[in-house]
Amino acid sequence: KPPDRGWAEGWPLLLADEFGCRGRWSDAAAGDCTEPTAAGGEDRVG
């Protein structure tokens, strides 16, 4: 089976999420949603 890449898979899904905090279905106002703080780039793998 392909390896589970963890955050490397989750990050693009988060950015494209239909129901994300910045999306149309959210009740948040502009500026209410903060950028997720976590490792980036290759550090997301695994």
ModelCIF file with pLDDT and N, C-alpha, C, O atoms, coordinates in Angstrom:
data_MODEL
#
_entry.id   MODEL 
#
_entity.id                         1 
_entity.type                       polymer 
_entity.pdbx_number_of_molecules   1 
#
_entity_poly.entity_id                      1 
_entity_poly.type                           'polypeptide(L)' 
_entity_poly.nstd_linkage                   no 
_entity_poly.nstd_monomer                   no 
_entity_poly.pdbx_seq_one_letter_code       KPPDRGWAEGWPLLLADEFGCRGRWSDAAAGDCTEPTAAGGEDRVG 
_entity_poly.pdbx_seq_one_letter_code_can   KPPDRGWAEGWPLLLADEFGCRGRWSDAAAGDCTEPTAAGGEDRVG 
_entity_poly.pdbx_strand_id                 A 
#
loop_
_entity_poly_seq.entity_id 
_entity_poly_seq.num 
_entity_poly_seq.mon_id 
_entity_poly_seq.hetero 
1 1  LYS n 
1 2  PRO n 
1 3  PRO n 
1 4  ASP n 
1 5  ARG n 
1 6  GLY n 
1 7  TRP n 
1 8  ALA n 
1 9  GLU n 
1 10 GLY n 
1 11 TRP n 
1 12 PRO n 
1 13 LEU n 
1 14 LEU n 
1 15 LEU n 
1 16 ALA n 
1 17 ASP n 
1 18 GLU n 
1 19 PHE n 
1 20 GLY n 
1 21 CYS n 
1 22 ARG n 
1 23 GLY n 
1 24 ARG n 
1 25 TRP n 
1 26 SER n 
1 27 ASP n 
1 28 ALA n 
1 29 ALA n 
1 30 ALA n 
1 31 GLY n 
1 32 ASP n 
1 33 CYS n 
1 34 THR n 
1 35 GLU n 
1 36 PRO n 
1 37 THR n 
1 38 ALA n 
1 39 ALA n 
1 40 GLY n 
1 41 GLY n 
1 42 GLU n 
1 43 ASP n 
1 44 ARG n 
1 45 VAL n 
1 46 GLY n 
#
_struct_asym.id          A 
_struct_asym.entity_id   1 
#
loop_
_ma_qa_metric.id 
_ma_qa_metric.mode 
_ma_qa_metric.name 
_ma_qa_metric.software_group_id 
_ma_qa_metric.type 
1 global pLDDT . pLDDT 
2 local  pLDDT . pLDDT 
#
_ma_qa_metric_global.metric_id      1 
_ma_qa_metric_global.metric_value   86.80 
_ma_qa_metric_global.model_id       1 
_ma_qa_metric_global.ordinal_id     1 
#
loop_
_ma_qa_metric_local.label_asym_id 
_ma_qa_metric_local.label_comp_id 
_ma_qa_metric_local.label_seq_id 
_ma_qa_metric_local.metric_id 
_ma_qa_metric_local.metric_value 
_ma_qa_metric_local.model_id 
_ma_qa_metric_local.ordinal_id 
A LYS 1  2 87.00 1 1  
A PRO 2  2 91.00 1 2  
A PRO 3  2 92.00 1 3  
A ASP 4  2 94.00 1 4  
A ARG 5  2 95.00 1 5  
A GLY 6  2 96.00 1 6  
A TRP 7  2 95.00 1 7  
A ALA 8  2 95.00 1 8  
A GLU 9  2 95.00 1 9  
A GLY 10 2 96.00 1 10 
A TRP 11 2 94.00 1 11 
A PRO 12 2 94.00 1 12 
A LEU 13 2 96.00 1 13 
A LEU 14 2 95.00 1 14 
A LEU 15 2 93.00 1 15 
A ALA 16 2 94.00 1 16 
A ASP 17 2 96.00 1 17 
A GLU 18 2 96.00 1 18 
A PHE 19 2 97.00 1 19 
A GLY 20 2 95.00 1 20 
A CYS 21 2 95.00 1 21 
A ARG 22 2 94.00 1 22 
A GLY 23 2 95.00 1 23 
A ARG 24 2 96.00 1 24 
A TRP 25 2 98.00 1 25 
A SER 26 2 97.00 1 26 
A ASP 27 2 98.00 1 27 
A ALA 28 2 97.00 1 28 
A ALA 29 2 94.00 1 29 
A ALA 30 2 85.00 1 30 
A GLY 31 2 89.00 1 31 
A ASP 32 2 92.00 1 32 
A CYS 33 2 90.00 1 33 
A THR 34 2 79.00 1 34 
A GLU 35 2 68.00 1 35 
A PRO 36 2 64.00 1 36 
A THR 37 2 51.00 1 37 
A ALA 38 2 48.00 1 38 
A ALA 39 2 47.00 1 39 
A GLY 40 2 52.00 1 40 
A GLY 41 2 56.00 1 41 
A GLU 42 2 61.00 1 42 
A ASP 43 2 80.00 1 43 
A ARG 44 2 91.00 1 44 
A VAL 45 2 95.00 1 45 
A GLY 46 2 95.00 1 46 
#
loop_
_atom_site.group_PDB 
_atom_site.id 
_atom_site.type_symbol 
_atom_site.label_atom_id 
_atom_site.label_alt_id 
_atom_site.label_comp_id 
_atom_site.label_asym_id 
_atom_site.label_entity_id 
_atom_site.label_seq_id 
_atom_site.pdbx_PDB_ins_code 
_atom_site.Cartn_x 
_atom_site.Cartn_y 
_atom_site.Cartn_z 
_atom_site.occupancy 
_atom_site.B_iso_or_equiv 
_atom_site.pdbx_formal_charge 
_atom_site.auth_seq_id 
_atom_site.auth_comp_id 
_atom_site.auth_asym_id 
_atom_site.auth_atom_id 
_atom_site.pdbx_PDB_model_num 
ATOM 1   N N  . LYS A 1 1  ? 0.843   -1.187 0.000  1.00 87.00 ? 1  LYS A N  1 
ATOM 2   C CA . LYS A 1 1  ? 0.000   0.000  0.000  1.00 87.00 ? 1  LYS A CA 1 
ATOM 3   C C  . LYS A 1 1  ? 0.882   1.241  0.000  1.00 87.00 ? 1  LYS A C  1 
ATOM 4   O O  . LYS A 1 1  ? 2.003   1.197  0.507  1.00 87.00 ? 1  LYS A O  1 
ATOM 5   N N  . PRO A 1 2  ? 0.394   2.354  -0.563 1.00 91.00 ? 2  PRO A N  1 
ATOM 6   C CA . PRO A 1 2  ? 1.194   3.587  -0.500 1.00 91.00 ? 2  PRO A CA 1 
ATOM 7   C C  . PRO A 1 2  ? 1.350   4.034  0.936  1.00 91.00 ? 2  PRO A C  1 
ATOM 8   O O  . PRO A 1 2  ? 0.430   3.851  1.734  1.00 91.00 ? 2  PRO A O  1 
ATOM 9   N N  . PRO A 1 3  ? 2.487   4.616  1.295  1.00 92.00 ? 3  PRO A N  1 
ATOM 10  C CA . PRO A 1 3  ? 2.704   5.035  2.683  1.00 92.00 ? 3  PRO A CA 1 
ATOM 11  C C  . PRO A 1 3  ? 1.764   6.160  3.077  1.00 92.00 ? 3  PRO A C  1 
ATOM 12  O O  . PRO A 1 3  ? 1.362   6.968  2.239  1.00 92.00 ? 3  PRO A O  1 
ATOM 13  N N  . ASP A 1 4  ? 1.422   6.208  4.333  1.00 94.00 ? 4  ASP A N  1 
ATOM 14  C CA . ASP A 1 4  ? 0.591   7.281  4.868  1.00 94.00 ? 4  ASP A CA 1 
ATOM 15  C C  . ASP A 1 4  ? 1.479   8.497  5.086  1.00 94.00 ? 4  ASP A C  1 
ATOM 16  O O  . ASP A 1 4  ? 2.366   8.474  5.939  1.00 94.00 ? 4  ASP A O  1 
ATOM 17  N N  . ARG A 1 5  ? 1.247   9.558  4.319  1.00 95.00 ? 5  ARG A N  1 
ATOM 18  C CA . ARG A 1 5  ? 2.114   10.738 4.349  1.00 95.00 ? 5  ARG A CA 1 
ATOM 19  C C  . ARG A 1 5  ? 1.687   11.764 5.398  1.00 95.00 ? 5  ARG A C  1 
ATOM 20  O O  . ARG A 1 5  ? 2.333   12.801 5.545  1.00 95.00 ? 5  ARG A O  1 
ATOM 21  N N  . GLY A 1 6  ? 0.608   11.485 6.126  1.00 96.00 ? 6  GLY A N  1 
ATOM 22  C CA . GLY A 1 6  ? 0.223   12.340 7.233  1.00 96.00 ? 6  GLY A CA 1 
ATOM 23  C C  . GLY A 1 6  ? -0.090  13.770 6.826  1.00 96.00 ? 6  GLY A C  1 
ATOM 24  O O  . GLY A 1 6  ? -0.907  14.022 5.940  1.00 96.00 ? 6  GLY A O  1 
ATOM 25  N N  . TRP A 1 7  ? 0.584   14.703 7.498  1.00 95.00 ? 7  TRP A N  1 
ATOM 26  C CA . TRP A 1 7  ? 0.331   16.132 7.298  1.00 95.00 ? 7  TRP A CA 1 
ATOM 27  C C  . TRP A 1 7  ? 0.574   16.560 5.852  1.00 95.00 ? 7  TRP A C  1 
ATOM 28  O O  . TRP A 1 7  ? -0.036  17.518 5.379  1.00 95.00 ? 7  TRP A O  1 
ATOM 29  N N  . ALA A 1 8  ? 1.459   15.857 5.150  1.00 95.00 ? 8  ALA A N  1 
ATOM 30  C CA . ALA A 1 8  ? 1.690   16.167 3.738  1.00 95.00 ? 8  ALA A CA 1 
ATOM 31  C C  . ALA A 1 8  ? 0.428   15.920 2.912  1.00 95.00 ? 8  ALA A C  1 
ATOM 32  O O  . ALA A 1 8  ? 0.224   16.574 1.889  1.00 95.00 ? 8  ALA A O  1 
ATOM 33  N N  . GLU A 1 9  ? -0.416  14.989 3.341  1.00 95.00 ? 9  GLU A N  1 
ATOM 34  C CA . GLU A 1 9  ? -1.720  14.767 2.693  1.00 95.00 ? 9  GLU A CA 1 
ATOM 35  C C  . GLU A 1 9  ? -2.768  15.722 3.252  1.00 95.00 ? 9  GLU A C  1 
ATOM 36  O O  . GLU A 1 9  ? -3.604  16.240 2.512  1.00 95.00 ? 9  GLU A O  1 
ATOM 37  N N  . GLY A 1 10 ? -2.719  15.952 4.562  1.00 96.00 ? 10 GLY A N  1 
ATOM 38  C CA . GLY A 1 10 ? -3.748  16.761 5.205  1.00 96.00 ? 10 GLY A CA 1 
ATOM 39  C C  . GLY A 1 10 ? -3.695  18.229 4.820  1.00 96.00 ? 10 GLY A C  1 
ATOM 40  O O  . GLY A 1 10 ? -4.735  18.879 4.709  1.00 96.00 ? 10 GLY A O  1 
ATOM 41  N N  . TRP A 1 11 ? -2.489  18.762 4.616  1.00 94.00 ? 11 TRP A N  1 
ATOM 42  C CA . TRP A 1 11 ? -2.326  20.190 4.328  1.00 94.00 ? 11 TRP A CA 1 
ATOM 43  C C  . TRP A 1 11 ? -3.086  20.619 3.073  1.00 94.00 ? 11 TRP A C  1 
ATOM 44  O O  . TRP A 1 11 ? -3.868  21.566 3.157  1.00 94.00 ? 11 TRP A O  1 
ATOM 45  N N  . PRO A 1 12 ? -2.904  19.975 1.909  1.00 94.00 ? 12 PRO A N  1 
ATOM 46  C CA . PRO A 1 12 ? -3.679  20.406 0.738  1.00 94.00 ? 12 PRO A CA 1 
ATOM 47  C C  . PRO A 1 12 ? -5.180  20.195 0.905  1.00 94.00 ? 12 PRO A C  1 
ATOM 48  O O  . PRO A 1 12 ? -5.976  20.960 0.360  1.00 94.00 ? 12 PRO A O  1 
ATOM 49  N N  . LEU A 1 13 ? -5.574  19.162 1.655  1.00 96.00 ? 13 LEU A N  1 
ATOM 50  C CA . LEU A 1 13 ? -7.003  18.954 1.910  1.00 96.00 ? 13 LEU A CA 1 
ATOM 51  C C  . LEU A 1 13 ? -7.562  20.083 2.759  1.00 96.00 ? 13 LEU A C  1 
ATOM 52  O O  . LEU A 1 13 ? -8.693  20.519 2.543  1.00 96.00 ? 13 LEU A O  1 
ATOM 53  N N  . LEU A 1 14 ? -6.779  20.561 3.724  1.00 95.00 ? 14 LEU A N  1 
ATOM 54  C CA . LEU A 1 14 ? -7.208  21.678 4.557  1.00 95.00 ? 14 LEU A CA 1 
ATOM 55  C C  . LEU A 1 14 ? -7.386  22.942 3.719  1.00 95.00 ? 14 LEU A C  1 
ATOM 56  O O  . LEU A 1 14 ? -8.368  23.666 3.882  1.00 95.00 ? 14 LEU A O  1 
ATOM 57  N N  . LEU A 1 15 ? -6.446  23.200 2.834  1.00 93.00 ? 15 LEU A N  1 
ATOM 58  C CA . LEU A 1 15 ? -6.519  24.404 2.004  1.00 93.00 ? 15 LEU A CA 1 
ATOM 59  C C  . LEU A 1 15 ? -7.726  24.379 1.065  1.00 93.00 ? 15 LEU A C  1 
ATOM 60  O O  . LEU A 1 15 ? -8.291  25.427 0.750  1.00 93.00 ? 15 LEU A O  1 
ATOM 61  N N  . ALA A 1 16 ? -8.117  23.192 0.621  1.00 94.00 ? 16 ALA A N  1 
ATOM 62  C CA . ALA A 1 16 ? -9.216  23.070 -0.342 1.00 94.00 ? 16 ALA A CA 1 
ATOM 63  C C  . ALA A 1 16 ? -10.554 22.738 0.303  1.00 94.00 ? 16 ALA A C  1 
ATOM 64  O O  . ALA A 1 16 ? -11.538 22.500 -0.398 1.00 94.00 ? 16 ALA A O  1 
ATOM 65  N N  . ASP A 1 17 ? -10.598 22.719 1.629  1.00 96.00 ? 17 ASP A N  1 
ATOM 66  C CA . ASP A 1 17 ? -11.795 22.238 2.325  1.00 96.00 ? 17 ASP A CA 1 
ATOM 67  C C  . ASP A 1 17 ? -13.014 23.130 2.076  1.00 96.00 ? 17 ASP A C  1 
ATOM 68  O O  . ASP A 1 17 ? -12.979 24.338 2.306  1.00 96.00 ? 17 ASP A O  1 
ATOM 69  N N  . GLU A 1 18 ? -14.077 22.510 1.606  1.00 96.00 ? 18 GLU A N  1 
ATOM 70  C CA . GLU A 1 18 ? -15.344 23.213 1.380  1.00 96.00 ? 18 GLU A CA 1 
ATOM 71  C C  . GLU A 1 18 ? -15.870 23.847 2.666  1.00 96.00 ? 18 GLU A C  1 
ATOM 72  O O  . GLU A 1 18 ? -16.536 24.882 2.634  1.00 96.00 ? 18 GLU A O  1 
ATOM 73  N N  . PHE A 1 19 ? -15.563 23.211 3.798  1.00 97.00 ? 19 PHE A N  1 
ATOM 74  C CA . PHE A 1 19 ? -16.102 23.669 5.079  1.00 97.00 ? 19 PHE A CA 1 
ATOM 75  C C  . PHE A 1 19 ? -15.027 24.308 5.966  1.00 97.00 ? 19 PHE A C  1 
ATOM 76  O O  . PHE A 1 19 ? -15.143 24.288 7.192  1.00 97.00 ? 19 PHE A O  1 
ATOM 77  N N  . GLY A 1 20 ? -13.998 24.865 5.358  1.00 95.00 ? 20 GLY A N  1 
ATOM 78  C CA . GLY A 1 20 ? -12.936 25.508 6.111  1.00 95.00 ? 20 GLY A CA 1 
ATOM 79  C C  . GLY A 1 20 ? -13.406 26.778 6.799  1.00 95.00 ? 20 GLY A C  1 
ATOM 80  O O  . GLY A 1 20 ? -14.448 27.337 6.456  1.00 95.00 ? 20 GLY A O  1 
ATOM 81  N N  . CYS A 1 21 ? -12.625 27.226 7.775  1.00 95.00 ? 21 CYS A N  1 
ATOM 82  C CA . CYS A 1 21 ? -12.989 28.404 8.562  1.00 95.00 ? 21 CYS A CA 1 
ATOM 83  C C  . CYS A 1 21 ? -13.194 29.644 7.691  1.00 95.00 ? 21 CYS A C  1 
ATOM 84  O O  . CYS A 1 21 ? -14.018 30.498 8.018  1.00 95.00 ? 21 CYS A O  1 
ATOM 85  N N  . ARG A 1 22 ? -12.451 29.752 6.585  1.00 94.00 ? 22 ARG A N  1 
ATOM 86  C CA . ARG A 1 22 ? -12.587 30.898 5.696  1.00 94.00 ? 22 ARG A CA 1 
ATOM 87  C C  . ARG A 1 22 ? -13.640 30.683 4.609  1.00 94.00 ? 22 ARG A C  1 
ATOM 88  O O  . ARG A 1 22 ? -13.858 31.561 3.774  1.00 94.00 ? 22 ARG A O  1 
ATOM 89  N N  . GLY A 1 23 ? -14.284 29.533 4.615  1.00 95.00 ? 23 GLY A N  1 
ATOM 90  C CA . GLY A 1 23 ? -15.227 29.198 3.554  1.00 95.00 ? 23 GLY A CA 1 
ATOM 91  C C  . GLY A 1 23 ? -16.597 29.841 3.726  1.00 95.00 ? 23 GLY A C  1 
ATOM 92  O O  . GLY A 1 23 ? -16.864 30.509 4.725  1.00 95.00 ? 23 GLY A O  1 
ATOM 93  N N  . ARG A 1 24 ? -17.440 29.635 2.759  1.00 96.00 ? 24 ARG A N  1 
ATOM 94  C CA . ARG A 1 24 ? -18.763 30.271 2.720  1.00 96.00 ? 24 ARG A CA 1 
ATOM 95  C C  . ARG A 1 24 ? -19.706 29.752 3.794  1.00 96.00 ? 24 ARG A C  1 
ATOM 96  O O  . ARG A 1 24 ? -20.678 30.423 4.143  1.00 96.00 ? 24 ARG A O  1 
ATOM 97  N N  . TRP A 1 25 ? -19.428 28.562 4.321  1.00 98.00 ? 25 TRP A N  1 
ATOM 98  C CA . TRP A 1 25 ? -20.341 27.983 5.310  1.00 98.00 ? 25 TRP A CA 1 
ATOM 99  C C  . TRP A 1 25 ? -19.937 28.329 6.737  1.00 98.00 ? 25 TRP A C  1 
ATOM 100 O O  . TRP A 1 25 ? -20.642 27.992 7.688  1.00 98.00 ? 25 TRP A O  1 
ATOM 101 N N  . SER A 1 26 ? -18.822 28.990 6.880  1.00 97.00 ? 26 SER A N  1 
ATOM 102 C CA . SER A 1 26 ? -18.337 29.388 8.199  1.00 97.00 ? 26 SER A CA 1 
ATOM 103 C C  . SER A 1 26 ? -19.057 30.650 8.663  1.00 97.00 ? 26 SER A C  1 
ATOM 104 O O  . SER A 1 26 ? -19.440 31.490 7.849  1.00 97.00 ? 26 SER A O  1 
ATOM 105 N N  . ASP A 1 27 ? -19.238 30.777 9.981  1.00 98.00 ? 27 ASP A N  1 
ATOM 106 C CA . ASP A 1 27 ? -19.829 31.983 10.566 1.00 98.00 ? 27 ASP A CA 1 
ATOM 107 C C  . ASP A 1 27 ? -18.761 33.002 10.961 1.00 98.00 ? 27 ASP A C  1 
ATOM 108 O O  . ASP A 1 27 ? -19.082 34.044 11.532 1.00 98.00 ? 27 ASP A O  1 
ATOM 109 N N  . ALA A 1 28 ? -17.503 32.713 10.665 1.00 97.00 ? 28 ALA A N  1 
ATOM 110 C CA . ALA A 1 28 ? -16.410 33.585 11.087 1.00 97.00 ? 28 ALA A CA 1 
ATOM 111 C C  . ALA A 1 28 ? -16.376 34.872 10.261 1.00 97.00 ? 28 ALA A C  1 
ATOM 112 O O  . ALA A 1 28 ? -16.690 34.881 9.071  1.00 97.00 ? 28 ALA A O  1 
ATOM 113 N N  . ALA A 1 29 ? -15.990 35.938 10.922 1.00 94.00 ? 29 ALA A N  1 
ATOM 114 C CA . ALA A 1 29 ? -15.777 37.209 10.231 1.00 94.00 ? 29 ALA A CA 1 
ATOM 115 C C  . ALA A 1 29 ? -14.344 37.269 9.714  1.00 94.00 ? 29 ALA A C  1 
ATOM 116 O O  . ALA A 1 29 ? -13.500 36.458 10.093 1.00 94.00 ? 29 ALA A O  1 
ATOM 117 N N  . ALA A 1 30 ? -14.087 38.235 8.851  1.00 85.00 ? 30 ALA A N  1 
ATOM 118 C CA . ALA A 1 30 ? -12.733 38.406 8.320  1.00 85.00 ? 30 ALA A CA 1 
ATOM 119 C C  . ALA A 1 30 ? -11.759 38.626 9.467  1.00 85.00 ? 30 ALA A C  1 
ATOM 120 O O  . ALA A 1 30 ? -11.997 39.448 10.352 1.00 85.00 ? 30 ALA A O  1 
ATOM 121 N N  . GLY A 1 31 ? -10.672 37.890 9.440  1.00 89.00 ? 31 GLY A N  1 
ATOM 122 C CA . GLY A 1 31 ? -9.669  38.016 10.491 1.00 89.00 ? 31 GLY A CA 1 
ATOM 123 C C  . GLY A 1 31 ? -9.859  37.077 11.657 1.00 89.00 ? 31 GLY A C  1 
ATOM 124 O O  . GLY A 1 31 ? -8.981  36.977 12.513 1.00 89.00 ? 31 GLY A O  1 
ATOM 125 N N  . ASP A 1 32 ? -11.005 36.370 11.717 1.00 92.00 ? 32 ASP A N  1 
ATOM 126 C CA . ASP A 1 32 ? -11.245 35.449 12.834 1.00 92.00 ? 32 ASP A CA 1 
ATOM 127 C C  . ASP A 1 32 ? -10.457 34.156 12.708 1.00 92.00 ? 32 ASP A C  1 
ATOM 128 O O  . ASP A 1 32 ? -10.164 33.510 13.714 1.00 92.00 ? 32 ASP A O  1 
ATOM 129 N N  . CYS A 1 33 ? -10.115 33.773 11.497 1.00 90.00 ? 33 CYS A N  1 
ATOM 130 C CA . CYS A 1 33 ? -9.466  32.486 11.261 1.00 90.00 ? 33 CYS A CA 1 
ATOM 131 C C  . CYS A 1 33 ? -7.961  32.683 11.181 1.00 90.00 ? 33 CYS A C  1 
ATOM 132 O O  . CYS A 1 33 ? -7.474  33.501 10.400 1.00 90.00 ? 33 CYS A O  1 
ATOM 133 N N  . THR A 1 34 ? -7.242  31.945 11.976 1.00 79.00 ? 34 THR A N  1 
ATOM 134 C CA . THR A 1 34 ? -5.786  32.060 11.992 1.00 79.00 ? 34 THR A CA 1 
ATOM 135 C C  . THR A 1 34 ? -5.170  30.969 11.130 1.00 79.00 ? 34 THR A C  1 
ATOM 136 O O  . THR A 1 34 ? -5.737  29.890 10.960 1.00 79.00 ? 34 THR A O  1 
ATOM 137 N N  . GLU A 1 35 ? -3.993  31.276 10.591 1.00 68.00 ? 35 GLU A N  1 
ATOM 138 C CA . GLU A 1 35 ? -3.272  30.275 9.824  1.00 68.00 ? 35 GLU A CA 1 
ATOM 139 C C  . GLU A 1 35 ? -2.839  29.141 10.760 1.00 68.00 ? 35 GLU A C  1 
ATOM 140 O O  . GLU A 1 35 ? -2.373  29.402 11.869 1.00 68.00 ? 35 GLU A O  1 
ATOM 141 N N  . PRO A 1 36 ? -2.987  27.900 10.330 1.00 64.00 ? 36 PRO A N  1 
ATOM 142 C CA . PRO A 1 36 ? -2.509  26.797 11.172 1.00 64.00 ? 36 PRO A CA 1 
ATOM 143 C C  . PRO A 1 36 ? -1.005  26.878 11.341 1.00 64.00 ? 36 PRO A C  1 
ATOM 144 O O  . PRO A 1 36 ? -0.279  27.138 10.381 1.00 64.00 ? 36 PRO A O  1 
ATOM 145 N N  . THR A 1 37 ? -0.537  26.657 12.560 1.00 51.00 ? 37 THR A N  1 
ATOM 146 C CA . THR A 1 37 ? 0.890   26.696 12.837 1.00 51.00 ? 37 THR A CA 1 
ATOM 147 C C  . THR A 1 37 ? 1.408   25.282 12.965 1.00 51.00 ? 37 THR A C  1 
ATOM 148 O O  . THR A 1 37 ? 1.099   24.580 13.929 1.00 51.00 ? 37 THR A O  1 
ATOM 149 N N  . ALA A 1 38 ? 2.183   24.873 12.009 1.00 48.00 ? 38 ALA A N  1 
ATOM 150 C CA . ALA A 1 38 ? 2.753   23.527 12.033 1.00 48.00 ? 38 ALA A CA 1 
ATOM 151 C C  . ALA A 1 38 ? 3.917   23.493 11.054 1.00 48.00 ? 38 ALA A C  1 
ATOM 152 O O  . ALA A 1 38 ? 4.170   24.461 10.337 1.00 48.00 ? 38 ALA A O  1 
ATOM 153 N N  . ALA A 1 39 ? 4.616   22.375 11.032 1.00 47.00 ? 39 ALA A N  1 
ATOM 154 C CA . ALA A 1 39 ? 5.754   22.237 10.140 1.00 47.00 ? 39 ALA A CA 1 
ATOM 155 C C  . ALA A 1 39 ? 5.325   22.399 8.686  1.00 47.00 ? 39 ALA A C  1 
ATOM 156 O O  . ALA A 1 39 ? 4.173   22.140 8.338  1.00 47.00 ? 39 ALA A O  1 
ATOM 157 N N  . GLY A 1 40 ? 6.250   22.825 7.849  1.00 52.00 ? 40 GLY A N  1 
ATOM 158 C CA . GLY A 1 40 ? 5.922   23.020 6.447  1.00 52.00 ? 40 GLY A CA 1 
ATOM 159 C C  . GLY A 1 40 ? 6.848   22.227 5.540  1.00 52.00 ? 40 GLY A C  1 
ATOM 160 O O  . GLY A 1 40 ? 7.815   21.623 6.004  1.00 52.00 ? 40 GLY A O  1 
ATOM 161 N N  . GLY A 1 41 ? 6.553   22.230 4.253  1.00 56.00 ? 41 GLY A N  1 
ATOM 162 C CA . GLY A 1 41 ? 7.386   21.584 3.252  1.00 56.00 ? 41 GLY A CA 1 
ATOM 163 C C  . GLY A 1 41 ? 7.603   20.117 3.535  1.00 56.00 ? 41 GLY A C  1 
ATOM 164 O O  . GLY A 1 41 ? 6.666   19.393 3.872  1.00 56.00 ? 41 GLY A O  1 
ATOM 165 N N  . GLU A 1 42 ? 8.848   19.680 3.396  1.00 61.00 ? 42 GLU A N  1 
ATOM 166 C CA . GLU A 1 42 ? 9.174   18.271 3.606  1.00 61.00 ? 42 GLU A CA 1 
ATOM 167 C C  . GLU A 1 42 ? 8.916   17.831 5.034  1.00 61.00 ? 42 GLU A C  1 
ATOM 168 O O  . GLU A 1 42 ? 8.722   16.641 5.284  1.00 61.00 ? 42 GLU A O  1 
ATOM 169 N N  . ASP A 1 43 ? 8.909   18.777 5.990  1.00 80.00 ? 43 ASP A N  1 
ATOM 170 C CA . ASP A 1 43 ? 8.663   18.412 7.378  1.00 80.00 ? 43 ASP A CA 1 
ATOM 171 C C  . ASP A 1 43 ? 7.238   17.920 7.599  1.00 80.00 ? 43 ASP A C  1 
ATOM 172 O O  . ASP A 1 43 ? 6.936   17.343 8.643  1.00 80.00 ? 43 ASP A O  1 
ATOM 173 N N  . ARG A 1 44 ? 6.369   18.143 6.631  1.00 91.00 ? 44 ARG A N  1 
ATOM 174 C CA . ARG A 1 44 ? 4.997   17.636 6.769  1.00 91.00 ? 44 ARG A CA 1 
ATOM 175 C C  . ARG A 1 44 ? 4.924   16.133 6.487  1.00 91.00 ? 44 ARG A C  1 
ATOM 176 O O  . ARG A 1 44 ? 3.979   15.471 6.916  1.00 91.00 ? 44 ARG A O  1 
ATOM 177 N N  . VAL A 1 45 ? 5.895   15.601 5.783  1.00 95.00 ? 45 VAL A N  1 
ATOM 178 C CA . VAL A 1 45 ? 5.843   14.199 5.372  1.00 95.00 ? 45 VAL A CA 1 
ATOM 179 C C  . VAL A 1 45 ? 5.957   13.291 6.596  1.00 95.00 ? 45 VAL A C  1 
ATOM 180 O O  . VAL A 1 45 ? 6.929   13.364 7.348  1.00 95.00 ? 45 VAL A O  1 
ATOM 181 N N  . GLY A 1 46 ? 4.958   12.441 6.783  1.00 95.00 ? 46 GLY A N  1 
ATOM 182 C CA . GLY A 1 46 ? 4.974   11.504 7.899  1.00 95.00 ? 46 GLY A CA 1 
ATOM 183 C C  . GLY A 1 46 ? 4.678   12.121 9.244  1.00 95.00 ? 46 GLY A C  1 
ATOM 184 O O  . GLY A 1 46 ? 4.666   11.420 10.256 1.00 95.00 ? 46 GLY A O  1 
#
